[in-house]
């Protein structure tokens, strides 16, 4: 059985961050995962999604990665 490990390293938003607002998003709650209850089956396997808050380290790391990709794609200054 494979396992996904999430780093415990704390990631924070830099103090000089610029925030972007997206007019369109897939953030429609009707599209959110429904399997958010941790249930262990008879074989000991667990398959669920754990909702995390927007300011939790894992979410911040993801958002910073997306931001870096956008900055590179848009050729924003200061991005090498």
C-alpha atoms as a PDB file:
ATOM      1  CA  UNK A   1       0.000   0.000   0.000  1.00  0.00           C
ATOM      2  CA  UNK A   2       1.392   3.405  -0.878  1.00  0.00           C
ATOM      3  CA  UNK A   3       1.283   6.257   1.558  1.00  0.00           C
ATOM      4  CA  UNK A   4       1.357   9.955   0.977  1.00  0.00           C
ATOM      5  CA  UNK A   5       3.508  11.806   3.435  1.00  0.00           C
ATOM      6  CA  UNK A   6       2.977  15.501   3.985  1.00  0.00           C
ATOM      7  CA  UNK A   7       5.942  17.495   5.239  1.00  0.00           C
ATOM      8  CA  UNK A   8       5.646  18.925   8.718  1.00  0.00           C
ATOM      9  CA  UNK A   9       7.899  21.868   7.738  1.00  0.00           C
ATOM     10  CA  UNK A  10       6.133  25.143   8.474  1.00  0.00           C
ATOM     11  CA  UNK A  11       5.627  27.333   5.404  1.00  0.00           C
ATOM     12  CA  UNK A  12       4.514  30.949   5.698  1.00  0.00           C
ATOM     13  CA  UNK A  13       3.551  33.670   3.260  1.00  0.00           C
ATOM     14  CA  UNK A  14       6.413  36.156   2.758  1.00  0.00           C
ATOM     15  CA  UNK A  15       5.833  39.603   4.309  1.00  0.00           C
ATOM     16  CA  UNK A  16       6.121  41.302   0.886  1.00  0.00           C
ATOM     17  CA  UNK A  17       3.584  39.028  -0.842  1.00  0.00           C
ATOM     18  CA  UNK A  18       1.238  40.342  -3.524  1.00  0.00           C
ATOM     19  CA  UNK A  19      -2.203  38.759  -3.524  1.00  0.00           C
ATOM     20  CA  UNK A  20      -4.208  37.986  -6.646  1.00  0.00           C
ATOM     21  CA  UNK A  21      -7.979  37.687  -6.848  1.00  0.00           C
ATOM     22  CA  UNK A  22      -9.435  35.274  -9.382  1.00  0.00           C
ATOM     23  CA  UNK A  23     -12.868  36.082 -10.761  1.00  0.00           C
ATOM     24  CA  UNK A  24     -13.513  32.488 -11.736  1.00  0.00           C
ATOM     25  CA  UNK A  25     -12.668  29.482  -9.627  1.00  0.00           C
ATOM     26  CA  UNK A  26     -13.432  25.819  -9.120  1.00  0.00           C
ATOM     27  CA  UNK A  27     -14.084  26.695  -5.502  1.00  0.00           C
ATOM     28  CA  UNK A  28     -17.786  25.871  -5.843  1.00  0.00           C
ATOM     29  CA  UNK A  29     -18.614  23.885  -2.705  1.00  0.00           C
ATOM     30  CA  UNK A  30     -20.774  21.475  -4.717  1.00  0.00           C
ATOM     31  CA  UNK A  31     -17.539  20.225  -6.343  1.00  0.00           C
ATOM     32  CA  UNK A  32     -15.680  19.608  -3.089  1.00  0.00           C
ATOM     33  CA  UNK A  33     -14.778  16.005  -2.168  1.00  0.00           C
ATOM     34  CA  UNK A  34     -17.409  14.135  -0.215  1.00  0.00           C
ATOM     35  CA  UNK A  35     -15.102  11.446   1.191  1.00  0.00           C
ATOM     36  CA  UNK A  36     -13.857  13.451   4.187  1.00  0.00           C
ATOM     37  CA  UNK A  37     -14.576  10.873   6.898  1.00  0.00           C
ATOM     38  CA  UNK A  38     -11.619   8.727   7.923  1.00  0.00           C
ATOM     39  CA  UNK A  39     -12.798   5.121   7.691  1.00  0.00           C
ATOM     40  CA  UNK A  40     -10.431   2.165   7.941  1.00  0.00           C
ATOM     41  CA  UNK A  41     -11.650  -0.775   5.834  1.00  0.00           C
ATOM     42  CA  UNK A  42     -11.280  -4.505   6.626  1.00  0.00           C
ATOM     43  CA  UNK A  43      -7.818  -4.541   4.990  1.00  0.00           C
ATOM     44  CA  UNK A  44      -6.616  -1.616   7.095  1.00  0.00           C
ATOM     45  CA  UNK A  45      -6.675   0.849   4.211  1.00  0.00           C
ATOM     46  CA  UNK A  46      -7.806   4.436   4.562  1.00  0.00           C
ATOM     47  CA  UNK A  47      -8.955   6.551   1.638  1.00  0.00           C
ATOM     48  CA  UNK A  48     -10.243  10.001   2.483  1.00  0.00           C
ATOM     49  CA  UNK A  49      -9.467  13.674   2.000  1.00  0.00           C
ATOM     50  CA  UNK A  50      -8.749  15.863   4.967  1.00  0.00           C
ATOM     51  CA  UNK A  51      -9.963  19.440   4.545  1.00  0.00           C
ATOM     52  CA  UNK A  52      -7.327  21.988   5.557  1.00  0.00           C
ATOM     53  CA  UNK A  53      -7.641  25.676   6.273  1.00  0.00           C
ATOM     54  CA  UNK A  54      -6.299  28.264   3.848  1.00  0.00           C
ATOM     55  CA  UNK A  55      -3.608  29.382   6.300  1.00  0.00           C
ATOM     56  CA  UNK A  56      -2.332  25.910   7.191  1.00  0.00           C
ATOM     57  CA  UNK A  57       1.228  25.230   6.089  1.00  0.00           C
ATOM     58  CA  UNK A  58       0.215  22.673   3.416  1.00  0.00           C
ATOM     59  CA  UNK A  59      -2.207  25.120   1.783  1.00  0.00           C
ATOM     60  CA  UNK A  60       0.310  27.969   1.919  1.00  0.00           C
ATOM     61  CA  UNK A  61       2.965  25.786   0.257  1.00  0.00           C
ATOM     62  CA  UNK A  62       0.537  24.913  -2.547  1.00  0.00           C
ATOM     63  CA  UNK A  63      -0.502  28.545  -3.024  1.00  0.00           C
ATOM     64  CA  UNK A  64       3.135  29.699  -3.153  1.00  0.00           C
ATOM     65  CA  UNK A  65       3.913  27.044  -5.769  1.00  0.00           C
ATOM     66  CA  UNK A  66       0.991  28.173  -7.921  1.00  0.00           C
ATOM     67  CA  UNK A  67       2.088  31.806  -7.494  1.00  0.00           C
ATOM     68  CA  UNK A  68       5.622  31.010  -8.589  1.00  0.00           C
ATOM     69  CA  UNK A  69       4.325  29.205 -11.679  1.00  0.00           C
ATOM     70  CA  UNK A  70       2.091  32.149 -12.558  1.00  0.00           C
ATOM     71  CA  UNK A  71       4.924  34.635 -12.033  1.00  0.00           C
ATOM     72  CA  UNK A  72       7.180  32.666 -14.377  1.00  0.00           C
ATOM     73  CA  UNK A  73       4.439  32.251 -16.997  1.00  0.00           C
ATOM     74  CA  UNK A  74       3.579  35.967 -16.865  1.00  0.00           C
ATOM     75  CA  UNK A  75       7.281  36.953 -16.864  1.00  0.00           C
ATOM     76  CA  UNK A  76       6.874  39.110 -13.792  1.00  0.00           C
ATOM     77  CA  UNK A  77       9.947  41.017 -12.607  1.00  0.00           C
ATOM     78  CA  UNK A  78      12.106  39.513  -9.878  1.00  0.00           C
ATOM     79  CA  UNK A  79      11.475  35.908 -10.911  1.00  0.00           C
ATOM     80  CA  UNK A  80      14.511  34.005 -12.117  1.00  0.00           C
END
